[in-house]
Amino acid sequence: MEVMLYPYDRESYPIVIYHDMIKELEIKSLVSPRGWGLDGKIIINESQSYVLKTDYERELLACEGVLFVNSANKIYPDDFVLKKIQFANSQGKKIYYARNDEQEISWLRENAKNTVFFNTIDEGKNEDVSSNKLFDIQTPVIGVGGMGEETDKFFIQLGIRSYLDKKGYKVTQIGSRSYCGLFDFHSFPQYMLDIHRETDKIIFLNHYLKKLELKEKPDVIVLGIPGGIMAINEKWHNDFGCLAYKVAQAVPIDYFIVSTYFEEYAEAFYRKLSERIFYRYGFKTDAFHIANRRIDYVEGADDSALKFISVDKEFVRSTICKYKSDNILNLQKIDDFHFLEKIIFDELPRG
């Protein structure tokens, strides 16, 4: 099925780069709303290149369906994407939905009953937390956390899965986004994000992971942690890393990869951060990924929401080359994931 992806921005970049992991869908074109400044931008993955377009109706005619995705950019008015969905439905186009908008979901369930939904927000809801027992997870677990949002966590999770798959390992994966069903693996359970007793959340996640381990019998488990692992400062606190702490109590993380914002820190910063993670969560950090996103402290000074500046990727790489440590990385393409061989391959059984 040839589909158009809409609305494209940085949020959906991992989907395009790892599109070969999506079964039965071929992304034919990328379309963004007018005014986002992306018209004509070129996106290249391993097999093809895309020229971003803004003419939704014209691109829709050339596709069999539409994959609607979340966006980092704000969309106004609130029903903007809903109207695009309604138009696609009126044209008889197949709709694949990977967003988290309740108004859109409600309309689709009522009016476009053949929609394929990928936002698996009810994942794991039936786990029993009546027992206080924590089970031993015997399969090696690779955890991916970050200093906050927009640090490429999901991109890293997909890169790890792709690399391990190609090496012949059987992977069970829980991703940090709600539409992981698009890539045929599990989303982070909504139960962990809802209001429940904190002890129950820890037990729930442990039992959920144990059930997946017994059912899927993987060689390795990849676990993406939503949100940030600690506060950035007094204003942007990332819920103080509470979710990451609960994950650490529920699951033994054997190999941990941390994605960070770009700053020209001294190498000692990463040593201190590694120590802080160890004493707070109880596991060592095996690698740091530095994203090409920098916090805009000036623009966001009077705003409750973080704002970011994009940094040239080659400048990020040149900065990383100054460090003597080989566990400070910038993961941009599949070959960059060779570092996995150093930290885990000698210890993993082959499936």
C-alpha atoms as a PDB file:
ATOM      1  CA  MET A   1       0.000   0.000   0.000  1.00  0.00           C
ATOM      2  CA  GLU A   2       1.517   3.320  -1.116  1.00  0.00           C
ATOM      3  CA  VAL A   3       0.758   6.000   1.453  1.00  0.00           C
ATOM      4  CA  MET A   4       1.378   9.663   2.059  1.00  0.00           C
ATOM      5  CA  LEU A   5       2.742  10.595   5.489  1.00  0.00           C
ATOM      6  CA  TYR A   6       1.088  13.650   7.047  1.00  0.00           C
ATOM      7  CA  PRO A   7       1.921  16.012   8.753  1.00  0.00           C
ATOM      8  CA  TYR A   8       5.693  15.559   8.437  1.00  0.00           C
ATOM      9  CA  ASP A   9       8.142  17.288  10.797  1.00  0.00           C
ATOM     10  CA  ARG A  10      11.036  16.265  13.043  1.00  0.00           C
ATOM     11  CA  GLU A  11       8.740  14.002  15.089  1.00  0.00           C
ATOM     12  CA  SER A  12       8.220  11.634  12.161  1.00  0.00           C
ATOM     13  CA  TYR A  13      11.849  11.593  10.985  1.00  0.00           C
ATOM     14  CA  PRO A  14      12.502   8.148  12.587  1.00  0.00           C
ATOM     15  CA  ILE A  15       9.494   6.717  10.731  1.00  0.00           C
ATOM     16  CA  VAL A  16      10.944   7.795   7.389  1.00  0.00           C
ATOM     17  CA  ILE A  17      14.499   6.643   8.124  1.00  0.00           C
ATOM     18  CA  TYR A  18      13.355   3.205   9.313  1.00  0.00           C
ATOM     19  CA  HIS A  19      10.390   2.858   6.943  1.00  0.00           C
ATOM     20  CA  ASP A  20      11.647  -0.596   5.865  1.00  0.00           C
ATOM     21  CA  MET A  21      10.590  -1.905   9.294  1.00  0.00           C
ATOM     22  CA  ILE A  22       6.939  -1.064   8.563  1.00  0.00           C
ATOM     23  CA  LYS A  23       5.070  -4.042   7.167  1.00  0.00           C
ATOM     24  CA  GLU A  24       2.737  -3.654   4.179  1.00  0.00           C
ATOM     25  CA  LEU A  25       3.127   0.138   3.909  1.00  0.00           C
ATOM     26  CA  GLU A  26       5.330   2.026   1.461  1.00  0.00           C
ATOM     27  CA  ILE A  27       5.764   5.726   2.180  1.00  0.00           C
ATOM     28  CA  LYS A  28       5.480   7.391  -1.205  1.00  0.00           C
ATOM     29  CA  SER A  29       5.422  11.073  -0.225  1.00  0.00           C
ATOM     30  CA  LEU A  30       5.886  13.411   2.738  1.00  0.00           C
ATOM     31  CA  VAL A  31       3.574  16.385   3.190  1.00  0.00           C
ATOM     32  CA  SER A  32       3.675  19.213   5.731  1.00  0.00           C
ATOM     33  CA  PRO A  33       1.210  22.059   6.325  1.00  0.00           C
ATOM     34  CA  ARG A  34       1.987  25.330   4.614  1.00  0.00           C
ATOM     35  CA  GLY A  35       3.720  27.751   6.950  1.00  0.00           C
ATOM     36  CA  TRP A  36       6.014  25.208   8.596  1.00  0.00           C
ATOM     37  CA  GLY A  37       8.865  26.228   6.299  1.00  0.00           C
ATOM     38  CA  LEU A  38       9.573  22.683   5.104  1.00  0.00           C
ATOM     39  CA  ASP A  39       8.422  22.920   1.476  1.00  0.00           C
ATOM     40  CA  GLY A  40      11.171  21.582  -0.799  1.00  0.00           C
ATOM     41  CA  LYS A  41      13.291  20.175   2.030  1.00  0.00           C
ATOM     42  CA  ILE A  42      14.981  16.888   1.074  1.00  0.00           C
ATOM     43  CA  ILE A  43      14.865  13.864   3.391  1.00  0.00           C
ATOM     44  CA  ILE A  44      17.116  10.923   2.520  1.00  0.00           C
ATOM     45  CA  ASN A  45      17.062   7.405   3.914  1.00  0.00           C
ATOM     46  CA  GLU A  46      19.029   4.330   2.857  1.00  0.00           C
ATOM     47  CA  SER A  47      16.843   3.474  -0.136  1.00  0.00           C
ATOM     48  CA  GLN A  48      15.394   6.721  -1.466  1.00  0.00           C
ATOM     49  CA  SER A  49      15.010  10.473  -1.100  1.00  0.00           C
ATOM     50  CA  TYR A  50      11.888  12.560  -0.584  1.00  0.00           C
ATOM     51  CA  VAL A  51      11.144  16.154  -1.492  1.00  0.00           C
ATOM     52  CA  LEU A  52       8.749  17.576   1.091  1.00  0.00           C
ATOM     53  CA  LYS A  53       5.515  18.960  -0.351  1.00  0.00           C
ATOM     54  CA  THR A  54       2.725  21.155   1.048  1.00  0.00           C
ATOM     55  CA  ASP A  55      -0.088  20.491  -1.461  1.00  0.00           C
ATOM     56  CA  TYR A  56      -2.070  17.927   0.509  1.00  0.00           C
ATOM     57  CA  GLU A  57      -4.902  17.427  -1.993  1.00  0.00           C
ATOM     58  CA  ARG A  58      -2.585  16.968  -4.974  1.00  0.00           C
ATOM     59  CA  GLU A  59      -0.315  14.456  -3.219  1.00  0.00           C
ATOM     60  CA  LEU A  60      -3.337  12.591  -1.891  1.00  0.00           C
ATOM     61  CA  LEU A  61      -4.518  11.820  -5.418  1.00  0.00           C
ATOM     62  CA  ALA A  62      -1.273   9.962  -6.164  1.00  0.00           C
ATOM     63  CA  CYS A  63      -1.494   7.705  -3.088  1.00  0.00           C
ATOM     64  CA  GLU A  64      -3.683   4.798  -2.039  1.00  0.00           C
ATOM     65  CA  GLY A  65      -3.837   5.906   1.571  1.00  0.00           C
ATOM     66  CA  VAL A  66      -2.600   8.300   4.252  1.00  0.00           C
ATOM     67  CA  LEU A  67      -0.532   7.638   7.368  1.00  0.00           C
ATOM     68  CA  PHE A  68      -1.454  10.322   9.899  1.00  0.00           C
ATOM     69  CA  VAL A  69       1.264  10.891  12.508  1.00  0.00           C
ATOM     70  CA  ASN A  70       1.964  13.080  15.529  1.00  0.00           C
ATOM     71  CA  SER A  71       3.937  16.300  15.113  1.00  0.00           C
ATOM     72  CA  ALA A  72       6.298  18.315  17.271  1.00  0.00           C
ATOM     73  CA  ASN A  73       5.023  21.538  15.697  1.00  0.00           C
ATOM     74  CA  LYS A  74       1.819  22.965  17.079  1.00  0.00           C
ATOM     75  CA  ILE A  75      -1.212  22.732  14.820  1.00  0.00           C
ATOM     76  CA  TYR A  76      -3.972  25.342  14.748  1.00  0.00           C
ATOM     77  CA  PRO A  77      -6.931  25.231  14.681  1.00  0.00           C
ATOM     78  CA  ASP A  78      -7.630  22.085  16.685  1.00  0.00           C
ATOM     79  CA  ASP A  79      -9.630  20.474  13.872  1.00  0.00           C
ATOM     80  CA  PHE A  80      -7.005  21.176  11.172  1.00  0.00           C
ATOM     81  CA  VAL A  81      -5.846  17.565  10.834  1.00  0.00           C
ATOM     82  CA  LEU A  82      -9.379  16.266  11.354  1.00  0.00           C
ATOM     83  CA  LYS A  83     -10.488  18.098   8.202  1.00  0.00           C
ATOM     84  CA  LYS A  84      -7.613  16.470   6.291  1.00  0.00           C
ATOM     85  CA  ILE A  85      -8.770  13.095   7.610  1.00  0.00           C
ATOM     86  CA  GLN A  86     -12.346  13.784   6.560  1.00  0.00           C
ATOM     87  CA  PHE A  87     -11.229  14.791   3.066  1.00  0.00           C
ATOM     88  CA  ALA A  88      -9.110  11.640   2.681  1.00  0.00           C
ATOM     89  CA  ASN A  89     -12.067   9.535   3.778  1.00  0.00           C
ATOM     90  CA  SER A  90     -14.377  11.300   1.292  1.00  0.00           C
ATOM     91  CA  GLN A  91     -11.915  10.393  -1.471  1.00  0.00           C
ATOM     92  CA  GLY A  92     -12.034   6.729  -0.531  1.00  0.00           C
ATOM     93  CA  LYS A  93      -8.442   6.650   0.682  1.00  0.00           C
ATOM     94  CA  LYS A  94      -7.304   4.066   3.234  1.00  0.00           C
ATOM     95  CA  ILE A  95      -6.498   5.703   6.570  1.00  0.00           C
ATOM     96  CA  TYR A  96      -3.669   4.563   8.846  1.00  0.00           C
ATOM     97  CA  TYR A  97      -3.724   6.422  12.144  1.00  0.00           C
ATOM     98  CA  ALA A  98      -0.765   6.901  14.514  1.00  0.00           C
ATOM     99  CA  ARG A  99      -1.806  10.049  16.376  1.00  0.00           C
ATOM    100  CA  ASN A 100      -3.147  10.676  19.900  1.00  0.00           C
ATOM    101  CA  ASP A 101      -6.029  13.080  19.296  1.00  0.00           C
ATOM    102  CA  GLU A 102      -9.279  12.019  21.007  1.00  0.00           C
ATOM    103  CA  GLN A 103     -11.481  14.110  18.689  1.00  0.00           C
ATOM    104  CA  GLU A 104      -9.944  12.522  15.610  1.00  0.00           C
ATOM    105  CA  ILE A 105     -10.076   9.011  17.055  1.00  0.00           C
ATOM    106  CA  SER A 106     -13.748   9.425  17.953  1.00  0.00           C
ATOM    107  CA  TRP A 107     -14.630  10.628  14.444  1.00  0.00           C
ATOM    108  CA  LEU A 108     -12.692   7.820  12.794  1.00  0.00           C
ATOM    109  CA  ARG A 109     -14.308   5.115  14.921  1.00  0.00           C
ATOM    110  CA  GLU A 110     -17.735   6.476  14.040  1.00  0.00           C
ATOM    111  CA  ASN A 111     -17.256   7.339  10.363  1.00  0.00           C
ATOM    112  CA  ALA A 112     -14.253   5.430   8.995  1.00  0.00           C
ATOM    113  CA  LYS A 113     -14.568   2.003  10.552  1.00  0.00           C
ATOM    114  CA  ASN A 114     -11.904   0.423   8.334  1.00  0.00           C
ATOM    115  CA  THR A 115      -9.214   2.730   9.761  1.00  0.00           C
ATOM    116  CA  VAL A 116      -6.068   0.948  10.941  1.00  0.00           C
ATOM    117  CA  PHE A 117      -5.027   2.291  14.361  1.00  0.00           C
ATOM    118  CA  PHE A 118      -1.430   2.050  15.539  1.00  0.00           C
ATOM    119  CA  ASN A 119      -1.752   3.959  18.831  1.00  0.00           C
ATOM    120  CA  THR A 120      -1.904   1.026  21.261  1.00  0.00           C
ATOM    121  CA  ILE A 121      -2.600   3.023  24.424  1.00  0.00           C
ATOM    122  CA  ASP A 122      -4.294   0.075  26.184  1.00  0.00           C
ATOM    123  CA  GLU A 123      -1.209  -2.144  25.963  1.00  0.00           C
ATOM    124  CA  GLY A 124      -0.911  -4.387  29.003  1.00  0.00           C
ATOM    125  CA  LYS A 125      -4.029  -3.105  30.785  1.00  0.00           C
ATOM    126  CA  ASN A 126      -5.016  -6.532  32.088  1.00  0.00           C
ATOM    127  CA  GLU A 127      -1.881  -7.191  34.128  1.00  0.00           C
ATOM    128  CA  ASP A 128      -2.545  -8.464  37.645  1.00  0.00           C
ATOM    129  CA  VAL A 129      -0.968  -6.343  40.387  1.00  0.00           C
ATOM    130  CA  SER A 130      -2.575  -8.166  43.310  1.00  0.00           C
ATOM    131  CA  SER A 131       0.682 -10.019  43.962  1.00  0.00           C
ATOM    132  CA  ASN A 132       3.603  -8.094  45.432  1.00  0.00           C
ATOM    133  CA  LYS A 133       6.126 -10.492  43.957  1.00  0.00           C
ATOM    134  CA  LEU A 134       8.703  -9.158  41.511  1.00  0.00           C
ATOM    135  CA  PHE A 135       9.868 -11.671  38.920  1.00  0.00           C
ATOM    136  CA  ASP A 136      13.438 -12.092  37.776  1.00  0.00           C
ATOM    137  CA  ILE A 137      13.912 -10.936  34.175  1.00  0.00           C
ATOM    138  CA  GLN A 138      16.553 -13.289  32.802  1.00  0.00           C
ATOM    139  CA  THR A 139      16.841 -11.813  29.298  1.00  0.00           C
ATOM    140  CA  PRO A 140      19.378  -8.967  28.839  1.00  0.00           C
ATOM    141  CA  VAL A 141      17.630  -5.581  28.802  1.00  0.00           C
ATOM    142  CA  ILE A 142      18.868  -2.563  26.830  1.00  0.00           C
ATOM    143  CA  GLY A 143      17.342   0.628  28.211  1.00  0.00           C
ATOM    144  CA  VAL A 144      17.121   3.901  26.305  1.00  0.00           C
ATOM    145  CA  GLY A 145      16.498   7.074  28.288  1.00  0.00           C
ATOM    146  CA  GLY A 146      17.070  10.748  27.709  1.00  0.00           C
ATOM    147  CA  MET A 147      17.537  14.114  29.344  1.00  0.00           C
ATOM    148  CA  GLY A 148      14.129  15.026  27.948  1.00  0.00           C
ATOM    149  CA  GLU A 149      12.012  15.055  24.830  1.00  0.00           C
ATOM    150  CA  GLU A 150      13.457  15.693  21.359  1.00  0.00           C
ATOM    151  CA  THR A 151      16.712  13.901  22.097  1.00  0.00           C
ATOM    152  CA  ASP A 152      16.248  11.153  19.470  1.00  0.00           C
ATOM    153  CA  LYS A 153      15.225   8.429  21.930  1.00  0.00           C
ATOM    154  CA  PHE A 154      12.810   6.757  19.542  1.00  0.00           C
ATOM    155  CA  PHE A 155      15.274   7.007  16.650  1.00  0.00           C
ATOM    156  CA  ILE A 156      17.835   5.187  18.814  1.00  0.00           C
ATOM    157  CA  GLN A 157      15.326   2.494  19.768  1.00  0.00           C
ATOM    158  CA  LEU A 158      14.527   1.821  16.113  1.00  0.00           C
ATOM    159  CA  GLY A 159      18.227   1.815  15.230  1.00  0.00           C
ATOM    160  CA  ILE A 160      18.993  -0.761  17.912  1.00  0.00           C
ATOM    161  CA  ARG A 161      16.136  -2.992  16.763  1.00  0.00           C
ATOM    162  CA  SER A 162      17.144  -2.756  13.104  1.00  0.00           C
ATOM    163  CA  TYR A 163      20.776  -3.544  13.882  1.00  0.00           C
ATOM    164  CA  LEU A 164      19.990  -6.506  16.142  1.00  0.00           C
ATOM    165  CA  ASP A 165      17.482  -7.906  13.647  1.00  0.00           C
ATOM    166  CA  LYS A 166      20.105  -7.851  10.907  1.00  0.00           C
ATOM    167  CA  LYS A 167      22.541  -9.652  13.199  1.00  0.00           C
ATOM    168  CA  GLY A 168      20.059 -12.475  13.732  1.00  0.00           C
ATOM    169  CA  TYR A 169      18.874 -11.719  17.259  1.00  0.00           C
ATOM    170  CA  LYS A 170      15.266 -12.095  18.368  1.00  0.00           C
ATOM    171  CA  VAL A 171      14.145  -8.819  19.925  1.00  0.00           C
ATOM    172  CA  THR A 172      11.259  -8.040  22.254  1.00  0.00           C
ATOM    173  CA  GLN A 173      10.719  -4.307  22.368  1.00  0.00           C
ATOM    174  CA  ILE A 174       8.704  -1.779  24.344  1.00  0.00           C
ATOM    175  CA  GLY A 175       8.981   1.660  22.746  1.00  0.00           C
ATOM    176  CA  SER A 176       8.605   5.098  24.256  1.00  0.00           C
ATOM    177  CA  ARG A 177       5.904   6.227  21.800  1.00  0.00           C
ATOM    178  CA  SER A 178       2.255   5.236  21.584  1.00  0.00           C
ATOM    179  CA  TYR A 179       2.300   4.114  17.922  1.00  0.00           C
ATOM    180  CA  CYS A 180       4.937   1.373  18.159  1.00  0.00           C
ATOM    181  CA  GLY A 181       2.399  -0.980  16.598  1.00  0.00           C
ATOM    182  CA  LEU A 182       3.358   0.674  13.313  1.00  0.00           C
ATOM    183  CA  PHE A 183       6.696  -1.153  13.657  1.00  0.00           C
ATOM    184  CA  ASP A 184       5.137  -4.328  15.058  1.00  0.00           C
ATOM    185  CA  PHE A 185       6.350  -4.014  18.633  1.00  0.00           C
ATOM    186  CA  HIS A 186       4.870  -2.903  21.960  1.00  0.00           C
ATOM    187  CA  SER A 187       4.201   0.621  23.180  1.00  0.00           C
ATOM    188  CA  PHE A 188       5.053   1.770  26.691  1.00  0.00           C
ATOM    189  CA  PRO A 189       1.999   0.795  28.781  1.00  0.00           C
ATOM    190  CA  GLN A 190      -0.506   3.563  29.375  1.00  0.00           C
ATOM    191  CA  TYR A 191      -1.027   2.169  32.882  1.00  0.00           C
ATOM    192  CA  MET A 192       2.378   3.574  33.840  1.00  0.00           C
ATOM    193  CA  LEU A 193       1.289   7.080  32.805  1.00  0.00           C
ATOM    194  CA  ASP A 194      -2.149   7.048  34.450  1.00  0.00           C
ATOM    195  CA  ILE A 195      -3.029   7.726  38.080  1.00  0.00           C
ATOM    196  CA  HIS A 196      -2.391   4.535  40.056  1.00  0.00           C
ATOM    197  CA  ARG A 197      -0.600   3.630  43.240  1.00  0.00           C
ATOM    198  CA  GLU A 198       3.123   3.997  42.540  1.00  0.00           C
ATOM    199  CA  THR A 199       3.924   0.570  44.006  1.00  0.00           C
ATOM    200  CA  ASP A 200       1.352  -0.981  41.687  1.00  0.00           C
ATOM    201  CA  LYS A 201       3.021   0.622  38.667  1.00  0.00           C
ATOM    202  CA  ILE A 202       6.345  -0.987  39.534  1.00  0.00           C
ATOM    203  CA  ILE A 203       4.739  -4.392  40.020  1.00  0.00           C
ATOM    204  CA  PHE A 204       2.670  -3.968  36.860  1.00  0.00           C
ATOM    205  CA  LEU A 205       5.669  -3.219  34.638  1.00  0.00           C
ATOM    206  CA  ASN A 206       7.668  -6.098  36.083  1.00  0.00           C
ATOM    207  CA  HIS A 207       4.820  -8.563  35.506  1.00  0.00           C
ATOM    208  CA  TYR A 208       4.164  -7.194  32.016  1.00  0.00           C
ATOM    209  CA  LEU A 209       7.780  -7.586  30.982  1.00  0.00           C
ATOM    210  CA  LYS A 210       7.963 -11.088  32.465  1.00  0.00           C
ATOM    211  CA  LYS A 211       4.868 -12.113  30.503  1.00  0.00           C
ATOM    212  CA  LEU A 212       6.443 -10.833  27.269  1.00  0.00           C
ATOM    213  CA  GLU A 213       9.678 -12.641  28.075  1.00  0.00           C
ATOM    214  CA  LEU A 214       7.886 -15.968  28.572  1.00  0.00           C
ATOM    215  CA  LYS A 215       5.651 -15.516  25.536  1.00  0.00           C
ATOM    216  CA  GLU A 216       8.158 -14.214  22.972  1.00  0.00           C
ATOM    217  CA  LYS A 217      11.344 -15.898  24.270  1.00  0.00           C
ATOM    218  CA  PRO A 218      13.679 -13.155  23.006  1.00  0.00           C
ATOM    219  CA  ASP A 219      17.468 -12.978  22.990  1.00  0.00           C
ATOM    220  CA  VAL A 220      17.316  -9.349  24.098  1.00  0.00           C
ATOM    221  CA  ILE A 221      14.732  -6.836  25.317  1.00  0.00           C
ATOM    222  CA  VAL A 222      14.857  -3.184  24.239  1.00  0.00           C
ATOM    223  CA  LEU A 223      13.020  -0.786  26.557  1.00  0.00           C
ATOM    224  CA  GLY A 224      12.444   2.878  25.746  1.00  0.00           C
ATOM    225  CA  ILE A 225      11.655   5.174  28.694  1.00  0.00           C
ATOM    226  CA  PRO A 226       9.346   8.128  27.917  1.00  0.00           C
ATOM    227  CA  GLY A 227      10.136  11.603  29.223  1.00  0.00           C
ATOM    228  CA  GLY A 228      13.330  12.682  30.950  1.00  0.00           C
ATOM    229  CA  ILE A 229      15.463  10.838  33.457  1.00  0.00           C
ATOM    230  CA  MET A 230      15.979  13.884  35.701  1.00  0.00           C
ATOM    231  CA  ALA A 231      15.199  17.568  36.069  1.00  0.00           C
ATOM    232  CA  ILE A 232      16.986  19.962  33.712  1.00  0.00           C
ATOM    233  CA  ASN A 233      16.661  22.855  36.164  1.00  0.00           C
ATOM    234  CA  GLU A 234      14.147  24.307  38.630  1.00  0.00           C
ATOM    235  CA  LYS A 235      11.771  25.309  35.829  1.00  0.00           C
ATOM    236  CA  TRP A 236      11.907  22.304  33.497  1.00  0.00           C
ATOM    237  CA  HIS A 237      11.798  19.377  35.872  1.00  0.00           C
ATOM    238  CA  ASN A 238      10.737  16.399  33.657  1.00  0.00           C
ATOM    239  CA  ASP A 239       8.586  15.215  36.588  1.00  0.00           C
ATOM    240  CA  PHE A 240      11.944  14.835  38.360  1.00  0.00           C
ATOM    241  CA  GLY A 241      12.598  11.556  36.579  1.00  0.00           C
ATOM    242  CA  CYS A 242       9.915   9.751  38.605  1.00  0.00           C
ATOM    243  CA  LEU A 243       8.885   7.505  35.704  1.00  0.00           C
ATOM    244  CA  ALA A 244      12.481   6.478  35.038  1.00  0.00           C
ATOM    245  CA  TYR A 245      12.899   5.667  38.737  1.00  0.00           C
ATOM    246  CA  LYS A 246       9.847   3.384  38.701  1.00  0.00           C
ATOM    247  CA  VAL A 247      11.166   1.640  35.591  1.00  0.00           C
ATOM    248  CA  ALA A 248      14.513   1.105  37.328  1.00  0.00           C
ATOM    249  CA  GLN A 249      12.763  -0.519  40.307  1.00  0.00           C
ATOM    250  CA  ALA A 250      10.730  -2.825  38.063  1.00  0.00           C
ATOM    251  CA  VAL A 251      13.274  -3.860  35.461  1.00  0.00           C
ATOM    252  CA  PRO A 252      16.984  -4.731  35.685  1.00  0.00           C
ATOM    253  CA  ILE A 253      18.645  -2.563  33.029  1.00  0.00           C
ATOM    254  CA  ASP A 254      21.771  -4.370  31.839  1.00  0.00           C
ATOM    255  CA  TYR A 255      22.882  -1.827  29.229  1.00  0.00           C
ATOM    256  CA  PHE A 256      21.803   1.802  29.354  1.00  0.00           C
ATOM    257  CA  ILE A 257      22.018   4.397  26.582  1.00  0.00           C
ATOM    258  CA  VAL A 258      21.317   8.042  27.420  1.00  0.00           C
ATOM    259  CA  SER A 259      20.409  10.642  24.817  1.00  0.00           C
ATOM    260  CA  THR A 260      21.326  14.231  25.678  1.00  0.00           C
ATOM    261  CA  TYR A 261      20.883  17.707  24.273  1.00  0.00           C
ATOM    262  CA  PHE A 262      23.809  19.302  22.514  1.00  0.00           C
ATOM    263  CA  GLU A 263      26.138  21.513  24.517  1.00  0.00           C
ATOM    264  CA  GLU A 264      29.898  21.862  24.270  1.00  0.00           C
ATOM    265  CA  TYR A 265      30.418  20.335  27.694  1.00  0.00           C
ATOM    266  CA  ALA A 266      33.751  19.200  29.041  1.00  0.00           C
ATOM    267  CA  GLU A 267      34.126  15.430  29.050  1.00  0.00           C
ATOM    268  CA  ALA A 268      33.892  15.506  32.832  1.00  0.00           C
ATOM    269  CA  PHE A 269      30.207  16.427  32.491  1.00  0.00           C
ATOM    270  CA  TYR A 270      29.404  12.978  31.084  1.00  0.00           C
ATOM    271  CA  ARG A 271      31.393  11.246  33.818  1.00  0.00           C
ATOM    272  CA  LYS A 272      29.438  13.165  36.455  1.00  0.00           C
ATOM    273  CA  LEU A 273      26.152  12.426  34.704  1.00  0.00           C
ATOM    274  CA  SER A 274      27.021   8.733  34.587  1.00  0.00           C
ATOM    275  CA  GLU A 275      27.750   8.748  38.320  1.00  0.00           C
ATOM    276  CA  ARG A 276      24.474  10.506  39.041  1.00  0.00           C
ATOM    277  CA  ILE A 277      22.535   7.941  37.011  1.00  0.00           C
ATOM    278  CA  PHE A 278      24.294   5.084  38.790  1.00  0.00           C
ATOM    279  CA  TYR A 279      23.569   6.364  42.289  1.00  0.00           C
ATOM    280  CA  ARG A 280      19.979   7.290  41.459  1.00  0.00           C
ATOM    281  CA  TYR A 281      18.936   4.272  39.373  1.00  0.00           C
ATOM    282  CA  GLY A 282      21.500   1.595  40.151  1.00  0.00           C
ATOM    283  CA  PHE A 283      22.922   0.869  36.697  1.00  0.00           C
ATOM    284  CA  LYS A 284      25.865   2.151  34.728  1.00  0.00           C
ATOM    285  CA  THR A 285      25.631   4.117  31.499  1.00  0.00           C
ATOM    286  CA  ASP A 286      27.176   2.340  28.523  1.00  0.00           C
ATOM    287  CA  ALA A 287      26.841   5.108  25.939  1.00  0.00           C
ATOM    288  CA  PHE A 288      25.755   8.719  25.502  1.00  0.00           C
ATOM    289  CA  HIS A 289      24.106   9.952  22.314  1.00  0.00           C
ATOM    290  CA  ILE A 290      24.331  13.698  21.711  1.00  0.00           C
ATOM    291  CA  ALA A 291      21.368  14.898  19.648  1.00  0.00           C
ATOM    292  CA  ASN A 292      21.533  17.832  17.262  1.00  0.00           C
ATOM    293  CA  ARG A 293      19.048  19.723  19.438  1.00  0.00           C
ATOM    294  CA  ARG A 294      20.029  22.470  21.843  1.00  0.00           C
ATOM    295  CA  ILE A 295      17.800  24.017  24.504  1.00  0.00           C
ATOM    296  CA  ASP A 296      16.928  27.618  23.677  1.00  0.00           C
ATOM    297  CA  TYR A 297      17.193  29.113  27.142  1.00  0.00           C
ATOM    298  CA  VAL A 298      16.644  32.653  25.815  1.00  0.00           C
ATOM    299  CA  GLU A 299      13.513  32.020  23.731  1.00  0.00           C
ATOM    300  CA  GLY A 300      12.017  29.720  26.343  1.00  0.00           C
ATOM    301  CA  ALA A 301      12.870  31.905  29.348  1.00  0.00           C
ATOM    302  CA  ASP A 302       9.305  33.127  29.833  1.00  0.00           C
ATOM    303  CA  ASP A 303       7.554  29.991  28.630  1.00  0.00           C
ATOM    304  CA  SER A 304       6.653  26.839  30.536  1.00  0.00           C
ATOM    305  CA  ALA A 305       7.450  24.710  27.475  1.00  0.00           C
ATOM    306  CA  LEU A 306      10.990  23.928  26.370  1.00  0.00           C
ATOM    307  CA  LYS A 307      12.094  25.401  23.052  1.00  0.00           C
ATOM    308  CA  PHE A 308      14.946  24.081  20.939  1.00  0.00           C
ATOM    309  CA  ILE A 309      17.469  25.106  18.319  1.00  0.00           C
ATOM    310  CA  SER A 310      18.644  22.657  15.661  1.00  0.00           C
ATOM    311  CA  VAL A 311      22.416  22.238  15.428  1.00  0.00           C
ATOM    312  CA  ASP A 312      24.188  21.166  12.239  1.00  0.00           C
ATOM    313  CA  LYS A 313      24.801  17.409  12.475  1.00  0.00           C
ATOM    314  CA  GLU A 314      28.349  17.655  11.153  1.00  0.00           C
ATOM    315  CA  PHE A 315      29.149  20.239  13.817  1.00  0.00           C
ATOM    316  CA  VAL A 316      27.833  17.824  16.448  1.00  0.00           C
ATOM    317  CA  ARG A 317      30.067  15.077  15.072  1.00  0.00           C
ATOM    318  CA  SER A 318      33.119  17.344  15.002  1.00  0.00           C
ATOM    319  CA  THR A 319      32.468  18.286  18.625  1.00  0.00           C
ATOM    320  CA  ILE A 320      32.228  14.637  19.641  1.00  0.00           C
ATOM    321  CA  CYS A 321      35.547  13.887  17.936  1.00  0.00           C
ATOM    322  CA  LYS A 322      37.244  16.119  20.522  1.00  0.00           C
ATOM    323  CA  TYR A 323      36.317  13.728  23.319  1.00  0.00           C
ATOM    324  CA  LYS A 324      38.706  10.921  24.203  1.00  0.00           C
ATOM    325  CA  SER A 325      35.871   8.670  25.336  1.00  0.00           C
ATOM    326  CA  ASP A 326      34.493   6.234  22.739  1.00  0.00           C
ATOM    327  CA  ASN A 327      31.119   5.957  24.474  1.00  0.00           C
ATOM    328  CA  ILE A 328      30.065   9.522  23.549  1.00  0.00           C
ATOM    329  CA  LEU A 329      28.313   9.176  20.198  1.00  0.00           C
ATOM    330  CA  ASN A 330      26.071  10.763  17.608  1.00  0.00           C
ATOM    331  CA  LEU A 331      23.873   8.059  16.117  1.00  0.00           C
ATOM    332  CA  GLN A 332      22.663   9.196  12.704  1.00  0.00           C
ATOM    333  CA  LYS A 333      22.611   6.081  10.519  1.00  0.00           C
ATOM    334  CA  ILE A 334      22.527   2.309  10.869  1.00  0.00           C
ATOM    335  CA  ASP A 335      26.313   1.892  10.704  1.00  0.00           C
ATOM    336  CA  ASP A 336      26.657   4.062  13.803  1.00  0.00           C
ATOM    337  CA  PHE A 337      25.115   1.256  15.849  1.00  0.00           C
ATOM    338  CA  HIS A 338      28.285  -0.824  15.581  1.00  0.00           C
ATOM    339  CA  PHE A 339      28.956   0.317  19.148  1.00  0.00           C
ATOM    340  CA  LEU A 340      26.491  -2.385  20.257  1.00  0.00           C
ATOM    341  CA  GLU A 341      29.076  -5.006  19.419  1.00  0.00           C
ATOM    342  CA  LYS A 342      31.414  -3.573  22.015  1.00  0.00           C
ATOM    343  CA  ILE A 343      28.932  -3.390  24.874  1.00  0.00           C
ATOM    344  CA  ILE A 344      26.710  -6.443  24.472  1.00  0.00           C
ATOM    345  CA  PHE A 345      27.397  -8.850  21.621  1.00  0.00           C
ATOM    346  CA  ASP A 346      29.929 -10.968  23.473  1.00  0.00           C
ATOM    347  CA  GLU A 347      27.334 -11.738  26.145  1.00  0.00           C
ATOM    348  CA  LEU A 348      24.176 -12.325  24.072  1.00  0.00           C
ATOM    349  CA  PRO A 349      23.057 -15.776  22.982  1.00  0.00           C
ATOM    350  CA  ARG A 350      22.235 -15.953  19.285  1.00  0.00           C
ATOM    351  CA  GLY A 351      18.648 -16.871  18.410  1.00  0.00           C
END
